[in-house]
Amino acid sequence: MTVEFIEERFPLSVAFGASGGPERRTDVVTLGSGAETRNARWAHSRRRYDAGTGVRSLADLQAVAAFFERVRGRLCGFRFRDPFDHLSAATGPALAPTDCVIGTGDGVAGSFPLVKTYGAGPEPYRRPILKPVAGTVRVAIDGSELTEGAEFTCDTASGLVTILPAHLPPPGALVTAGFRFDVPVRFDTDRLDMSLTHVEAGRVPTIPLVEIDLTAEEAG
């Protein structure tokens, strides 16, 4: 089997009860003076989840087992809805086409990768968004919203927004977007250890998931 990513989503009923979050890799060296030097080994955070905390019923277990077989364990990546962070908006469920700046017009370029910005100031963190949810992407140029299909398109497999030639942003114009998104992950195990007591006795199976860097895989 050569497919490395399947554009299907892990069962939502289980995902919304999952635990986990972002992880970073930082080298910290303490000097003789007591001062520290720190170096970030990863440019972007990597998320890890345990979907076992989302299992509430036998049906949930069966859905996870079927999905595990579908993606062949650790072999294939897939979409996962992060219960804590799946919107471009900083807070609340509302999306606006001005949520995140994704680029600045130069009168020539029409393609802009989706990103989500965290924080403010001179160096906010800009997270690449590779798996937007179809039908949720809204785009604006200097605050004026565009129409999907007629004025822009979005590749939901890569997160690339393309503004059609007749509507290219002029030099200096801010291109912004709002969207829902999934996280590209894979199972971090080739074995699922399940039993009926997980449901009957309230035991929680461990179902580890880890985010995958699709940009690195494409570059490799």
C-alpha atoms as a PDB file:
ATOM      1  CA  MET A   1       0.000   0.000   0.000  1.00  0.00           C
ATOM      2  CA  THR A   2       1.540   3.344  -1.056  1.00  0.00           C
ATOM      3  CA  VAL A   3      -1.032   5.836   0.276  1.00  0.00           C
ATOM      4  CA  GLU A   4       0.587   7.790   3.125  1.00  0.00           C
ATOM      5  CA  PHE A   5      -2.299  10.094   3.999  1.00  0.00           C
ATOM      6  CA  ILE A   6      -6.022   9.424   3.863  1.00  0.00           C
ATOM      7  CA  GLU A   7      -8.327  12.450   3.744  1.00  0.00           C
ATOM      8  CA  GLU A   8     -10.679  10.984   6.325  1.00  0.00           C
ATOM      9  CA  ARG A   9     -11.347  12.119   9.880  1.00  0.00           C
ATOM     10  CA  PHE A  10     -10.878  10.113  13.061  1.00  0.00           C
ATOM     11  CA  PRO A  11     -14.306   9.449  14.683  1.00  0.00           C
ATOM     12  CA  LEU A  12     -15.530  12.794  16.015  1.00  0.00           C
ATOM     13  CA  SER A  13     -17.448  11.308  18.935  1.00  0.00           C
ATOM     14  CA  VAL A  14     -14.166   9.981  20.319  1.00  0.00           C
ATOM     15  CA  ALA A  15     -11.974  12.928  19.288  1.00  0.00           C
ATOM     16  CA  PHE A  16     -13.954  15.442  21.313  1.00  0.00           C
ATOM     17  CA  GLY A  17     -13.166  13.524  24.508  1.00  0.00           C
ATOM     18  CA  ALA A  18      -9.467  13.124  23.760  1.00  0.00           C
ATOM     19  CA  SER A  19      -6.687  14.602  25.878  1.00  0.00           C
ATOM     20  CA  GLY A  20      -3.395  16.090  24.752  1.00  0.00           C
ATOM     21  CA  GLY A  21      -1.894  19.188  23.188  1.00  0.00           C
ATOM     22  CA  PRO A  22       1.229  20.776  21.698  1.00  0.00           C
ATOM     23  CA  GLU A  23       4.771  19.683  22.426  1.00  0.00           C
ATOM     24  CA  ARG A  24       8.023  21.521  21.672  1.00  0.00           C
ATOM     25  CA  ARG A  25      11.657  20.445  21.757  1.00  0.00           C
ATOM     26  CA  THR A  26      14.023  22.905  23.436  1.00  0.00           C
ATOM     27  CA  ASP A  27      17.659  22.426  24.436  1.00  0.00           C
ATOM     28  CA  VAL A  28      18.426  24.184  27.735  1.00  0.00           C
ATOM     29  CA  VAL A  29      22.054  24.557  28.916  1.00  0.00           C
ATOM     30  CA  THR A  30      22.762  25.969  32.375  1.00  0.00           C
ATOM     31  CA  LEU A  31      26.052  27.869  32.498  1.00  0.00           C
ATOM     32  CA  GLY A  32      28.402  28.015  35.442  1.00  0.00           C
ATOM     33  CA  SER A  33      27.062  31.446  36.312  1.00  0.00           C
ATOM     34  CA  GLY A  34      23.569  30.058  36.615  1.00  0.00           C
ATOM     35  CA  ALA A  35      22.398  31.739  33.432  1.00  0.00           C
ATOM     36  CA  GLU A  36      20.723  29.662  30.727  1.00  0.00           C
ATOM     37  CA  THR A  37      21.055  29.379  26.986  1.00  0.00           C
ATOM     38  CA  ARG A  38      18.075  27.959  25.135  1.00  0.00           C
ATOM     39  CA  ASN A  39      17.726  26.716  21.590  1.00  0.00           C
ATOM     40  CA  ALA A  40      14.536  25.599  19.836  1.00  0.00           C
ATOM     41  CA  ARG A  41      15.160  22.379  17.927  1.00  0.00           C
ATOM     42  CA  TRP A  42      11.767  22.420  16.219  1.00  0.00           C
ATOM     43  CA  ALA A  43      10.427  25.336  14.191  1.00  0.00           C
ATOM     44  CA  HIS A  44       6.860  24.207  14.883  1.00  0.00           C
ATOM     45  CA  SER A  45       5.141  22.463  17.759  1.00  0.00           C
ATOM     46  CA  ARG A  46       4.041  18.843  17.446  1.00  0.00           C
ATOM     47  CA  ARG A  47       0.796  17.694  18.980  1.00  0.00           C
ATOM     48  CA  ARG A  48       0.202  14.443  20.800  1.00  0.00           C
ATOM     49  CA  TYR A  49      -3.149  13.079  21.880  1.00  0.00           C
ATOM     50  CA  ASP A  50      -4.598  10.143  23.777  1.00  0.00           C
ATOM     51  CA  ALA A  51      -7.956   9.394  22.189  1.00  0.00           C
ATOM     52  CA  GLY A  52      -8.643   6.696  24.780  1.00  0.00           C
ATOM     53  CA  THR A  53     -10.133   9.287  27.122  1.00  0.00           C
ATOM     54  CA  GLY A  54     -12.818   9.897  24.497  1.00  0.00           C
ATOM     55  CA  VAL A  55     -14.095   6.313  24.493  1.00  0.00           C
ATOM     56  CA  ARG A  56     -17.500   6.180  26.156  1.00  0.00           C
ATOM     57  CA  SER A  57     -19.154   3.073  24.733  1.00  0.00           C
ATOM     58  CA  LEU A  58     -18.684  -0.196  22.915  1.00  0.00           C
ATOM     59  CA  ALA A  59     -19.701   1.613  19.726  1.00  0.00           C
ATOM     60  CA  ASP A  60     -16.799   4.043  20.251  1.00  0.00           C
ATOM     61  CA  LEU A  61     -14.367   1.143  20.652  1.00  0.00           C
ATOM     62  CA  GLN A  62     -15.665  -0.508  17.511  1.00  0.00           C
ATOM     63  CA  ALA A  63     -15.409   2.753  15.542  1.00  0.00           C
ATOM     64  CA  VAL A  64     -11.787   3.238  16.616  1.00  0.00           C
ATOM     65  CA  ALA A  65     -10.898  -0.375  15.811  1.00  0.00           C
ATOM     66  CA  ALA A  66     -12.449  -0.071  12.352  1.00  0.00           C
ATOM     67  CA  PHE A  67     -10.578   3.168  11.700  1.00  0.00           C
ATOM     68  CA  PHE A  68      -7.315   1.638  12.960  1.00  0.00           C
ATOM     69  CA  GLU A  69      -7.715  -1.135  10.402  1.00  0.00           C
ATOM     70  CA  ARG A  70      -8.670   1.371   7.708  1.00  0.00           C
ATOM     71  CA  VAL A  71      -5.402   3.310   8.080  1.00  0.00           C
ATOM     72  CA  ARG A  72      -3.276   0.197   8.740  1.00  0.00           C
ATOM     73  CA  GLY A  73      -2.056   1.213  12.182  1.00  0.00           C
ATOM     74  CA  ARG A  74       0.863   3.630  11.980  1.00  0.00           C
ATOM     75  CA  LEU A  75       1.124   3.388   8.197  1.00  0.00           C
ATOM     76  CA  CYS A  76      -1.247   6.131   7.027  1.00  0.00           C
ATOM     77  CA  GLY A  77      -1.904   9.604   8.316  1.00  0.00           C
ATOM     78  CA  PHE A  78      -5.411  11.019   8.671  1.00  0.00           C
ATOM     79  CA  ARG A  79      -7.388  14.023   9.892  1.00  0.00           C
ATOM     80  CA  PHE A  80      -8.062  14.598  13.587  1.00  0.00           C
ATOM     81  CA  ARG A  81     -10.314  17.268  15.091  1.00  0.00           C
ATOM     82  CA  ASP A  82      -8.410  18.821  17.998  1.00  0.00           C
ATOM     83  CA  PRO A  83     -11.091  19.429  20.660  1.00  0.00           C
ATOM     84  CA  PHE A  84      -9.143  22.406  22.023  1.00  0.00           C
ATOM     85  CA  ASP A  85      -7.959  24.171  18.869  1.00  0.00           C
ATOM     86  CA  HIS A  86      -9.725  23.808  15.516  1.00  0.00           C
ATOM     87  CA  LEU A  87     -10.820  27.359  14.664  1.00  0.00           C
ATOM     88  CA  SER A  88      -9.020  30.377  13.226  1.00  0.00           C
ATOM     89  CA  ALA A  89     -10.809  32.623  15.715  1.00  0.00           C
ATOM     90  CA  ALA A  90      -8.923  33.299  18.941  1.00  0.00           C
ATOM     91  CA  THR A  91     -12.014  32.690  21.090  1.00  0.00           C
ATOM     92  CA  GLY A  92     -15.582  31.571  20.579  1.00  0.00           C
ATOM     93  CA  PRO A  93     -17.165  29.594  17.736  1.00  0.00           C
ATOM     94  CA  ALA A  94     -17.624  32.487  15.301  1.00  0.00           C
ATOM     95  CA  LEU A  95     -15.406  32.665  12.220  1.00  0.00           C
ATOM     96  CA  ALA A  96     -14.608  35.856  10.332  1.00  0.00           C
ATOM     97  CA  PRO A  97     -12.696  36.310   7.057  1.00  0.00           C
ATOM     98  CA  THR A  98     -10.375  38.685   8.935  1.00  0.00           C
ATOM     99  CA  ASP A  99      -9.293  36.238  11.664  1.00  0.00           C
ATOM    100  CA  CYS A 100      -5.741  35.629  10.407  1.00  0.00           C
ATOM    101  CA  VAL A 101      -3.403  37.479   8.069  1.00  0.00           C
ATOM    102  CA  ILE A 102      -2.146  35.029   5.432  1.00  0.00           C
ATOM    103  CA  GLY A 103      -0.256  37.436   3.200  1.00  0.00           C
ATOM    104  CA  THR A 104       0.209  40.835   1.620  1.00  0.00           C
ATOM    105  CA  GLY A 105      -0.619  41.568  -1.999  1.00  0.00           C
ATOM    106  CA  ASP A 106       2.019  42.566  -4.547  1.00  0.00           C
ATOM    107  CA  GLY A 107      -0.227  42.720  -7.592  1.00  0.00           C
ATOM    108  CA  VAL A 108       1.232  39.505  -8.982  1.00  0.00           C
ATOM    109  CA  ALA A 109       1.030  36.671  -6.438  1.00  0.00           C
ATOM    110  CA  GLY A 110      -2.298  34.919  -6.041  1.00  0.00           C
ATOM    111  CA  SER A 111      -1.432  31.910  -3.861  1.00  0.00           C
ATOM    112  CA  PHE A 112      -1.310  32.146  -0.075  1.00  0.00           C
ATOM    113  CA  PRO A 113      -0.897  29.236   2.382  1.00  0.00           C
ATOM    114  CA  LEU A 114      -3.249  29.264   5.347  1.00  0.00           C
ATOM    115  CA  VAL A 115      -1.700  30.033   8.726  1.00  0.00           C
ATOM    116  CA  LYS A 116      -3.049  30.613  12.212  1.00  0.00           C
ATOM    117  CA  THR A 117      -1.379  33.324  14.279  1.00  0.00           C
ATOM    118  CA  TYR A 118      -0.853  32.933  18.019  1.00  0.00           C
ATOM    119  CA  GLY A 119      -0.032  35.992  20.093  1.00  0.00           C
ATOM    120  CA  ALA A 120       0.770  39.555  19.108  1.00  0.00           C
ATOM    121  CA  GLY A 121       3.824  41.781  19.071  1.00  0.00           C
ATOM    122  CA  PRO A 122       6.845  41.625  16.760  1.00  0.00           C
ATOM    123  CA  GLU A 123       7.244  37.825  16.684  1.00  0.00           C
ATOM    124  CA  PRO A 124       3.911  35.990  16.956  1.00  0.00           C
ATOM    125  CA  TYR A 125       3.879  32.281  16.177  1.00  0.00           C
ATOM    126  CA  ARG A 126       2.481  31.491  12.720  1.00  0.00           C
ATOM    127  CA  ARG A 127       1.298  27.898  12.479  1.00  0.00           C
ATOM    128  CA  PRO A 128       0.892  26.361   9.000  1.00  0.00           C
ATOM    129  CA  ILE A 129      -2.628  25.016   8.457  1.00  0.00           C
ATOM    130  CA  LEU A 130      -2.508  22.127   5.999  1.00  0.00           C
ATOM    131  CA  LYS A 131      -5.913  20.536   6.527  1.00  0.00           C
ATOM    132  CA  PRO A 132      -8.703  23.146   6.445  1.00  0.00           C
ATOM    133  CA  VAL A 133     -12.259  21.864   6.499  1.00  0.00           C
ATOM    134  CA  ALA A 134     -14.044  22.086   3.152  1.00  0.00           C
ATOM    135  CA  GLY A 135     -16.697  24.784   2.961  1.00  0.00           C
ATOM    136  CA  THR A 136     -15.473  26.717   6.013  1.00  0.00           C
ATOM    137  CA  VAL A 137     -12.695  28.846   4.498  1.00  0.00           C
ATOM    138  CA  ARG A 138     -13.506  32.553   4.209  1.00  0.00           C
ATOM    139  CA  VAL A 139     -11.073  34.992   2.575  1.00  0.00           C
ATOM    140  CA  ALA A 140     -10.932  38.787   2.445  1.00  0.00           C
ATOM    141  CA  ILE A 141      -8.728  41.455   0.866  1.00  0.00           C
ATOM    142  CA  ASP A 142      -8.406  44.547   3.056  1.00  0.00           C
ATOM    143  CA  GLY A 143     -11.580  43.463   4.839  1.00  0.00           C
ATOM    144  CA  SER A 144     -13.708  42.882   1.724  1.00  0.00           C
ATOM    145  CA  GLU A 145     -14.805  39.251   1.635  1.00  0.00           C
ATOM    146  CA  LEU A 146     -14.354  37.196  -1.525  1.00  0.00           C
ATOM    147  CA  THR A 147     -16.688  34.508  -2.849  1.00  0.00           C
ATOM    148  CA  GLU A 148     -15.335  30.986  -2.874  1.00  0.00           C
ATOM    149  CA  GLY A 149     -15.349  29.473  -6.344  1.00  0.00           C
ATOM    150  CA  ALA A 150     -15.944  32.764  -8.157  1.00  0.00           C
ATOM    151  CA  GLU A 151     -13.072  34.766  -6.658  1.00  0.00           C
ATOM    152  CA  PHE A 152     -10.871  32.267  -4.818  1.00  0.00           C
ATOM    153  CA  THR A 153     -10.356  28.554  -4.303  1.00  0.00           C
ATOM    154  CA  CYS A 154      -8.843  26.579  -1.442  1.00  0.00           C
ATOM    155  CA  ASP A 155      -7.094  23.223  -1.689  1.00  0.00           C
ATOM    156  CA  THR A 156      -8.288  21.451   1.454  1.00  0.00           C
ATOM    157  CA  ALA A 157      -5.560  18.810   1.096  1.00  0.00           C
ATOM    158  CA  SER A 158      -2.754  21.385   1.387  1.00  0.00           C
ATOM    159  CA  GLY A 159      -4.254  24.568   2.838  1.00  0.00           C
ATOM    160  CA  LEU A 160      -3.307  26.679  -0.191  1.00  0.00           C
ATOM    161  CA  VAL A 161      -5.633  29.567  -1.033  1.00  0.00           C
ATOM    162  CA  THR A 162      -5.552  30.728  -4.660  1.00  0.00           C
ATOM    163  CA  ILE A 163      -7.105  34.062  -5.576  1.00  0.00           C
ATOM    164  CA  LEU A 164      -8.259  34.057  -9.177  1.00  0.00           C
ATOM    165  CA  PRO A 165      -6.439  36.381 -11.622  1.00  0.00           C
ATOM    166  CA  ALA A 166      -9.248  38.918 -11.995  1.00  0.00           C
ATOM    167  CA  HIS A 167      -9.242  39.503  -8.217  1.00  0.00           C
ATOM    168  CA  LEU A 168      -5.539  39.576  -7.302  1.00  0.00           C
ATOM    169  CA  PRO A 169      -4.791  41.712  -4.227  1.00  0.00           C
ATOM    170  CA  PRO A 170      -3.091  45.002  -5.101  1.00  0.00           C
ATOM    171  CA  PRO A 171       0.331  45.895  -3.648  1.00  0.00           C
ATOM    172  CA  GLY A 172       0.157  46.371   0.111  1.00  0.00           C
ATOM    173  CA  ALA A 173      -3.341  44.895   0.531  1.00  0.00           C
ATOM    174  CA  LEU A 174      -3.787  42.535   3.470  1.00  0.00           C
ATOM    175  CA  VAL A 175      -5.065  39.066   2.619  1.00  0.00           C
ATOM    176  CA  THR A 176      -6.860  37.462   5.561  1.00  0.00           C
ATOM    177  CA  ALA A 177      -8.790  34.269   6.197  1.00  0.00           C
ATOM    178  CA  GLY A 178     -11.029  32.481   8.668  1.00  0.00           C
ATOM    179  CA  PHE A 179     -11.486  28.714   8.744  1.00  0.00           C
ATOM    180  CA  ARG A 180     -12.006  25.483  10.626  1.00  0.00           C
ATOM    181  CA  PHE A 181      -9.215  22.939  10.420  1.00  0.00           C
ATOM    182  CA  ASP A 182      -8.081  19.436  11.302  1.00  0.00           C
ATOM    183  CA  VAL A 183      -4.653  18.224  12.427  1.00  0.00           C
ATOM    184  CA  PRO A 184      -2.773  15.661  10.311  1.00  0.00           C
ATOM    185  CA  VAL A 185      -1.920  12.760  12.636  1.00  0.00           C
ATOM    186  CA  ARG A 186      -1.213   9.039  12.695  1.00  0.00           C
ATOM    187  CA  PHE A 187      -1.591   6.322  15.280  1.00  0.00           C
ATOM    188  CA  ASP A 188       1.524   6.090  17.422  1.00  0.00           C
ATOM    189  CA  THR A 189       1.103   2.365  17.912  1.00  0.00           C
ATOM    190  CA  ASP A 190       0.602  -0.703  15.757  1.00  0.00           C
ATOM    191  CA  ARG A 191      -1.473  -2.416  18.428  1.00  0.00           C
ATOM    192  CA  LEU A 192      -4.783  -1.615  20.092  1.00  0.00           C
ATOM    193  CA  ASP A 193      -5.326  -3.228  23.488  1.00  0.00           C
ATOM    194  CA  MET A 194      -9.090  -3.231  24.049  1.00  0.00           C
ATOM    195  CA  SER A 195     -11.569  -5.198  26.107  1.00  0.00           C
ATOM    196  CA  LEU A 196     -15.211  -4.917  27.079  1.00  0.00           C
ATOM    197  CA  THR A 197     -14.162  -3.947  30.613  1.00  0.00           C
ATOM    198  CA  HIS A 198     -13.014  -0.621  29.190  1.00  0.00           C
ATOM    199  CA  VAL A 199     -16.695   0.304  28.930  1.00  0.00           C
ATOM    200  CA  GLU A 200     -18.248  -1.812  31.657  1.00  0.00           C
ATOM    201  CA  ALA A 201     -15.737  -0.997  34.407  1.00  0.00           C
ATOM    202  CA  GLY A 202     -14.834   2.492  33.298  1.00  0.00           C
ATOM    203  CA  ARG A 203     -11.271   1.610  32.268  1.00  0.00           C
ATOM    204  CA  VAL A 204      -9.722   3.804  29.605  1.00  0.00           C
ATOM    205  CA  PRO A 205      -7.754   2.219  26.746  1.00  0.00           C
ATOM    206  CA  THR A 206      -4.643   4.030  25.551  1.00  0.00           C
ATOM    207  CA  ILE A 207      -5.000   5.226  21.949  1.00  0.00           C
ATOM    208  CA  PRO A 208      -1.939   7.389  21.193  1.00  0.00           C
ATOM    209  CA  LEU A 209      -1.965   9.751  18.222  1.00  0.00           C
ATOM    210  CA  VAL A 210       0.862  12.016  17.064  1.00  0.00           C
ATOM    211  CA  GLU A 211       0.895  14.942  14.633  1.00  0.00           C
ATOM    212  CA  ILE A 212       2.833  14.410  11.417  1.00  0.00           C
ATOM    213  CA  ASP A 213       4.775  17.069   9.518  1.00  0.00           C
ATOM    214  CA  LEU A 214       3.529  16.755   5.959  1.00  0.00           C
ATOM    215  CA  THR A 215       5.761  19.585   4.735  1.00  0.00           C
ATOM    216  CA  ALA A 216       8.855  17.694   5.873  1.00  0.00           C
ATOM    217  CA  GLU A 217       7.615  14.478   4.277  1.00  0.00           C
ATOM    218  CA  GLU A 218       7.017  16.267   0.970  1.00  0.00           C
ATOM    219  CA  ALA A 219      10.480  17.880   1.132  1.00  0.00           C
ATOM    220  CA  GLY A 220      12.079  14.501   1.843  1.00  0.00           C
END
